[in-house]
Amino acid sequence: MPARIKTEYWVQAHLRRCAVATIPAFVVRRGDRERGMVLVKINTLGEGCKVLTQVRDLDGRLGWLSALDGTLAPETEADAYIARQVDRDPDLWVVEIEDRDGRNWFEGEEI
């Protein structure tokens, strides 16, 4: 399997991508700097939040699994889900993106 970029650098690159597009994005929780998985909370600033969990297929290709039945959830529900995931995986990174259009600015397709 080819070497991958460290999670910390990968997250920083995507935060920069958001900044260039004037989309607010923040690291809410730092996980393992080298190999931590990423969870993205997309806050639509009114209609609710979408939560996506980073996944990889058997060939190492990146994708995003939609949590909470793939629907927009109240922020409190999204935050409770994220807290449970962090309890299970202390190496997890959590990034929040504020985008009224609900776009995921990280590479990879939503599954």
N, C-alpha and C. Protein backbone atom coordinates (compact mmCIF):
# COMPACT_ATOMS: atom_id res chain seq x y z
N MET A 1 0.85 -1.17 0.00
CA MET A 1 0.00 0.00 0.00
C MET A 1 0.90 1.24 0.00
N PRO A 2 0.59 2.23 -0.83
CA PRO A 2 1.42 3.43 -0.90
C PRO A 2 1.35 4.22 0.41
N ALA A 3 2.42 4.96 0.68
CA ALA A 3 2.46 5.79 1.88
C ALA A 3 1.42 6.89 1.78
N ARG A 4 0.84 7.23 2.91
CA ARG A 4 -0.15 8.30 2.95
C ARG A 4 0.42 9.50 3.70
N ILE A 5 -0.10 10.66 3.37
CA ILE A 5 0.28 11.88 4.07
C ILE A 5 -0.25 11.80 5.50
N LYS A 6 0.47 12.39 6.43
CA LYS A 6 0.03 12.41 7.82
C LYS A 6 -1.32 13.11 7.93
N THR A 7 -2.15 12.61 8.82
CA THR A 7 -3.48 13.18 8.99
C THR A 7 -3.42 14.67 9.29
N GLU A 8 -2.50 15.07 10.14
CA GLU A 8 -2.40 16.48 10.52
C GLU A 8 -2.21 17.38 9.29
N TYR A 9 -1.33 16.99 8.40
CA TYR A 9 -1.07 17.79 7.19
C TYR A 9 -2.26 17.75 6.23
N TRP A 10 -2.88 16.59 6.13
CA TRP A 10 -4.03 16.42 5.25
C TRP A 10 -5.18 17.32 5.70
N VAL A 11 -5.43 17.34 7.00
CA VAL A 11 -6.49 18.19 7.55
C VAL A 11 -6.15 19.66 7.31
N GLN A 12 -4.91 20.05 7.58
CA GLN A 12 -4.50 21.44 7.37
C GLN A 12 -4.69 21.87 5.91
N ALA A 13 -4.37 21.00 4.98
CA ALA A 13 -4.54 21.32 3.57
C ALA A 13 -6.01 21.57 3.22
N HIS A 14 -6.90 20.77 3.78
CA HIS A 14 -8.31 20.94 3.50
C HIS A 14 -8.89 22.17 4.21
N LEU A 15 -8.36 22.49 5.39
CA LEU A 15 -8.79 23.72 6.06
C LEU A 15 -8.37 24.94 5.24
N ARG A 16 -7.21 24.86 4.64
CA ARG A 16 -6.74 25.95 3.77
C ARG A 16 -7.65 26.08 2.55
N ARG A 17 -8.05 24.95 2.01
CA ARG A 17 -8.97 24.95 0.86
C ARG A 17 -10.27 25.67 1.23
N CYS A 18 -10.78 25.41 2.43
CA CYS A 18 -11.99 26.08 2.90
C CYS A 18 -11.73 27.58 3.07
N ALA A 19 -10.60 27.92 3.64
CA ALA A 19 -10.27 29.34 3.87
C ALA A 19 -10.22 30.11 2.56
N VAL A 20 -9.63 29.51 1.55
CA VAL A 20 -9.55 30.16 0.23
C VAL A 20 -10.95 30.43 -0.33
N ALA A 21 -11.88 29.54 -0.05
CA ALA A 21 -13.26 29.68 -0.52
C ALA A 21 -14.12 30.47 0.47
N THR A 22 -13.49 31.05 1.49
CA THR A 22 -14.17 31.79 2.57
C THR A 22 -15.27 30.98 3.26
N ILE A 23 -14.98 29.72 3.47
CA ILE A 23 -15.87 28.82 4.21
C ILE A 23 -15.22 28.57 5.58
N PRO A 24 -15.89 28.96 6.67
CA PRO A 24 -15.32 28.71 8.00
C PRO A 24 -15.19 27.21 8.27
N ALA A 25 -14.02 26.81 8.72
CA ALA A 25 -13.76 25.41 9.07
C ALA A 25 -12.78 25.39 10.23
N PHE A 26 -13.02 24.50 11.19
CA PHE A 26 -12.25 24.48 12.41
C PHE A 26 -11.92 23.05 12.83
N VAL A 27 -10.76 22.86 13.41
CA VAL A 27 -10.45 21.59 14.05
C VAL A 27 -11.04 21.67 15.45
N VAL A 28 -12.03 20.84 15.70
CA VAL A 28 -12.69 20.81 17.00
C VAL A 28 -11.94 19.89 17.95
N ARG A 29 -11.33 18.85 17.39
CA ARG A 29 -10.57 17.89 18.19
C ARG A 29 -9.44 17.34 17.36
N ARG A 30 -8.26 17.37 17.95
CA ARG A 30 -7.08 16.79 17.30
C ARG A 30 -6.91 15.35 17.75
N GLY A 31 -6.72 14.49 16.77
CA GLY A 31 -6.48 13.08 17.07
C GLY A 31 -5.03 12.74 16.85
N ASP A 32 -4.76 11.51 16.51
CA ASP A 32 -3.40 11.06 16.24
C ASP A 32 -2.86 11.83 15.04
N ARG A 33 -1.69 12.43 15.20
CA ARG A 33 -1.13 13.30 14.17
C ARG A 33 -0.81 12.57 12.87
N GLU A 34 -0.48 11.30 12.98
CA GLU A 34 -0.03 10.57 11.79
C GLU A 34 -1.11 9.73 11.13
N ARG A 35 -1.90 9.00 11.91
CA ARG A 35 -2.81 8.01 11.32
C ARG A 35 -4.25 8.13 11.79
N GLY A 36 -4.61 9.21 12.48
CA GLY A 36 -5.98 9.33 12.98
C GLY A 36 -7.00 9.46 11.85
N MET A 37 -8.16 8.89 12.04
CA MET A 37 -9.25 9.04 11.08
C MET A 37 -9.92 10.39 11.33
N VAL A 38 -10.73 10.83 10.37
CA VAL A 38 -11.36 12.16 10.45
C VAL A 38 -12.87 12.02 10.41
N LEU A 39 -13.53 12.80 11.25
CA LEU A 39 -14.97 12.91 11.25
C LEU A 39 -15.29 14.37 10.94
N VAL A 40 -16.20 14.62 10.00
CA VAL A 40 -16.54 15.98 9.59
C VAL A 40 -17.98 16.27 9.97
N LYS A 41 -18.15 17.38 10.67
CA LYS A 41 -19.49 17.89 11.00
C LYS A 41 -19.73 19.09 10.10
N ILE A 42 -20.76 19.01 9.27
CA ILE A 42 -21.09 20.10 8.37
C ILE A 42 -22.32 20.80 8.94
N ASN A 43 -22.12 22.02 9.41
CA ASN A 43 -23.18 22.80 10.02
C ASN A 43 -23.76 23.73 8.96
N THR A 44 -25.03 23.55 8.64
CA THR A 44 -25.67 24.39 7.62
C THR A 44 -26.18 25.71 8.19
N LEU A 45 -25.94 25.94 9.45
CA LEU A 45 -26.28 27.21 10.11
C LEU A 45 -27.78 27.51 10.06
N GLY A 46 -28.54 26.54 10.42
CA GLY A 46 -29.98 26.77 10.49
C GLY A 46 -30.81 25.53 10.27
N GLU A 47 -30.46 24.76 9.26
CA GLU A 47 -31.27 23.59 8.94
C GLU A 47 -30.81 22.34 9.66
N GLY A 48 -29.65 22.38 10.27
CA GLY A 48 -29.13 21.23 10.99
C GLY A 48 -27.71 20.92 10.59
N CYS A 49 -27.24 19.77 11.06
CA CYS A 49 -25.86 19.36 10.81
C CYS A 49 -25.84 17.97 10.16
N LYS A 50 -24.85 17.80 9.33
CA LYS A 50 -24.60 16.50 8.70
C LYS A 50 -23.26 16.01 9.25
N VAL A 51 -23.18 14.73 9.57
CA VAL A 51 -21.95 14.17 10.11
C VAL A 51 -21.45 13.08 9.15
N LEU A 52 -20.19 13.19 8.77
CA LEU A 52 -19.57 12.23 7.86
C LEU A 52 -18.34 11.62 8.53
N THR A 53 -18.21 10.31 8.40
CA THR A 53 -17.08 9.58 8.96
C THR A 53 -16.19 9.10 7.83
N GLN A 54 -14.90 9.34 7.97
CA GLN A 54 -13.93 8.91 6.96
C GLN A 54 -13.83 7.39 6.96
N VAL A 55 -13.87 6.82 5.76
CA VAL A 55 -13.70 5.37 5.61
C VAL A 55 -12.79 5.12 4.42
N ARG A 56 -12.21 3.95 4.37
CA ARG A 56 -11.39 3.54 3.22
C ARG A 56 -11.85 2.16 2.79
N ASP A 57 -11.83 1.94 1.48
CA ASP A 57 -12.20 0.62 0.98
C ASP A 57 -10.97 -0.30 1.03
N LEU A 58 -11.12 -1.51 0.55
CA LEU A 58 -10.03 -2.48 0.62
C LEU A 58 -8.80 -2.06 -0.17
N ASP A 59 -8.99 -1.20 -1.16
CA ASP A 59 -7.87 -0.71 -1.96
C ASP A 59 -7.29 0.59 -1.41
N GLY A 60 -7.82 1.06 -0.28
CA GLY A 60 -7.30 2.27 0.35
C GLY A 60 -7.91 3.56 -0.16
N ARG A 61 -8.93 3.47 -1.03
CA ARG A 61 -9.57 4.67 -1.54
C ARG A 61 -10.45 5.30 -0.47
N LEU A 62 -10.37 6.61 -0.39
CA LEU A 62 -11.10 7.36 0.62
C LEU A 62 -12.55 7.57 0.24
N GLY A 63 -13.42 7.49 1.24
CA GLY A 63 -14.84 7.79 1.07
C GLY A 63 -15.38 8.33 2.39
N TRP A 64 -16.64 8.72 2.38
CA TRP A 64 -17.28 9.27 3.57
C TRP A 64 -18.60 8.57 3.81
N LEU A 65 -18.76 8.06 5.01
CA LEU A 65 -19.98 7.38 5.41
C LEU A 65 -20.84 8.38 6.17
N SER A 66 -22.06 8.56 5.71
CA SER A 66 -22.96 9.51 6.34
C SER A 66 -23.56 8.89 7.61
N ALA A 67 -23.41 9.61 8.71
CA ALA A 67 -23.95 9.15 9.99
C ALA A 67 -25.36 9.71 10.19
N LEU A 68 -26.01 9.27 11.22
CA LEU A 68 -27.33 9.78 11.60
C LEU A 68 -28.34 9.64 10.45
N ASP A 69 -28.33 8.49 9.82
CA ASP A 69 -29.24 8.16 8.72
C ASP A 69 -29.09 9.09 7.52
N GLY A 70 -27.97 9.80 7.43
CA GLY A 70 -27.72 10.66 6.29
C GLY A 70 -28.58 11.90 6.23
N THR A 71 -29.27 12.21 7.30
CA THR A 71 -30.15 13.38 7.32
C THR A 71 -29.52 14.50 8.13
N LEU A 72 -30.05 15.70 7.95
CA LEU A 72 -29.62 16.81 8.79
C LEU A 72 -30.21 16.61 10.18
N ALA A 73 -29.38 16.75 11.18
CA ALA A 73 -29.80 16.53 12.56
C ALA A 73 -29.59 17.81 13.35
N PRO A 74 -30.33 17.99 14.44
CA PRO A 74 -30.06 19.13 15.30
C PRO A 74 -28.61 19.07 15.80
N GLU A 75 -28.04 20.23 16.04
CA GLU A 75 -26.63 20.27 16.44
C GLU A 75 -26.37 19.47 17.72
N THR A 76 -27.28 19.49 18.66
CA THR A 76 -27.08 18.72 19.90
C THR A 76 -27.00 17.22 19.61
N GLU A 77 -27.81 16.74 18.68
CA GLU A 77 -27.78 15.32 18.30
C GLU A 77 -26.47 14.98 17.59
N ALA A 78 -26.04 15.86 16.70
CA ALA A 78 -24.76 15.66 16.00
C ALA A 78 -23.61 15.64 16.99
N ASP A 79 -23.61 16.56 17.95
CA ASP A 79 -22.53 16.63 18.94
C ASP A 79 -22.52 15.39 19.84
N ALA A 80 -23.70 14.88 20.19
CA ALA A 80 -23.78 13.66 21.01
C ALA A 80 -23.20 12.47 20.25
N TYR A 81 -23.53 12.37 18.96
CA TYR A 81 -22.97 11.30 18.13
C TYR A 81 -21.45 11.40 18.07
N ILE A 82 -20.95 12.60 17.86
CA ILE A 82 -19.49 12.81 17.79
C ILE A 82 -18.83 12.43 19.10
N ALA A 83 -19.43 12.80 20.22
CA ALA A 83 -18.86 12.45 21.54
C ALA A 83 -18.76 10.94 21.71
N ARG A 84 -19.77 10.21 21.25
CA ARG A 84 -19.73 8.74 21.34
C ARG A 84 -18.61 8.18 20.47
N GLN A 85 -18.42 8.74 19.29
CA GLN A 85 -17.36 8.26 18.40
C GLN A 85 -15.97 8.53 18.99
N VAL A 86 -15.80 9.69 19.60
CA VAL A 86 -14.51 10.04 20.21
C VAL A 86 -14.23 9.10 21.39
N ASP A 87 -15.27 8.74 22.15
CA ASP A 87 -15.10 7.78 23.25
C ASP A 87 -14.59 6.45 22.73
N ARG A 88 -15.06 6.04 21.56
CA ARG A 88 -14.65 4.76 20.97
C ARG A 88 -13.27 4.83 20.32
N ASP A 89 -12.92 6.00 19.79
CA ASP A 89 -11.67 6.15 19.06
C ASP A 89 -10.96 7.44 19.50
N PRO A 90 -10.08 7.35 20.48
CA PRO A 90 -9.40 8.56 20.97
C PRO A 90 -8.43 9.17 19.97
N ASP A 91 -8.13 8.49 18.87
CA ASP A 91 -7.24 9.03 17.84
C ASP A 91 -8.00 9.83 16.77
N LEU A 92 -9.30 9.95 16.91
CA LEU A 92 -10.17 10.58 15.92
C LEU A 92 -10.00 12.10 15.87
N TRP A 93 -9.93 12.64 14.66
CA TRP A 93 -9.95 14.08 14.43
C TRP A 93 -11.40 14.48 14.17
N VAL A 94 -11.80 15.66 14.65
CA VAL A 94 -13.13 16.19 14.38
C VAL A 94 -12.97 17.58 13.78
N VAL A 95 -13.55 17.76 12.61
CA VAL A 95 -13.49 19.04 11.90
C VAL A 95 -14.92 19.52 11.69
N GLU A 96 -15.17 20.79 12.00
CA GLU A 96 -16.49 21.37 11.73
C GLU A 96 -16.37 22.38 10.59
N ILE A 97 -17.28 22.24 9.64
CA ILE A 97 -17.36 23.14 8.50
C ILE A 97 -18.71 23.85 8.57
N GLU A 98 -18.69 25.17 8.43
CA GLU A 98 -19.93 25.93 8.39
C GLU A 98 -20.21 26.31 6.94
N ASP A 99 -21.17 25.61 6.35
CA ASP A 99 -21.49 25.82 4.95
C ASP A 99 -23.00 25.70 4.76
N ARG A 100 -23.64 26.80 4.44
CA ARG A 100 -25.10 26.81 4.27
C ARG A 100 -25.57 25.83 3.19
N ASP A 101 -24.68 25.51 2.24
CA ASP A 101 -25.03 24.56 1.17
C ASP A 101 -24.76 23.11 1.57
N GLY A 102 -24.19 22.88 2.74
CA GLY A 102 -23.97 21.53 3.24
C GLY A 102 -22.91 20.73 2.50
N ARG A 103 -21.93 21.41 1.91
CA ARG A 103 -20.89 20.72 1.14
C ARG A 103 -19.77 20.19 2.03
N ASN A 104 -19.26 19.03 1.65
CA ASN A 104 -18.08 18.47 2.29
C ASN A 104 -16.87 18.90 1.48
N TRP A 105 -15.97 19.64 2.09
CA TRP A 105 -14.81 20.19 1.39
C TRP A 105 -13.62 19.26 1.39
N PHE A 106 -13.78 18.08 1.95
CA PHE A 106 -12.72 17.09 1.97
C PHE A 106 -12.89 16.16 0.76
N GLU A 107 -11.77 15.68 0.23
CA GLU A 107 -11.82 14.79 -0.93
C GLU A 107 -12.45 13.46 -0.57
N GLY A 108 -12.97 12.80 -1.57
CA GLY A 108 -13.59 11.49 -1.38
C GLY A 108 -15.10 11.58 -1.55
N GLU A 109 -15.65 10.51 -2.07
CA GLU A 109 -17.10 10.47 -2.31
C GLU A 109 -17.87 10.02 -1.09
N GLU A 110 -19.08 10.55 -0.99
CA GLU A 110 -19.97 10.13 0.09
C GLU A 110 -20.61 8.81 -0.29
N ILE A 111 -20.56 7.88 0.63
CA ILE A 111 -21.10 6.53 0.38
C ILE A 111 -22.52 6.45 0.92
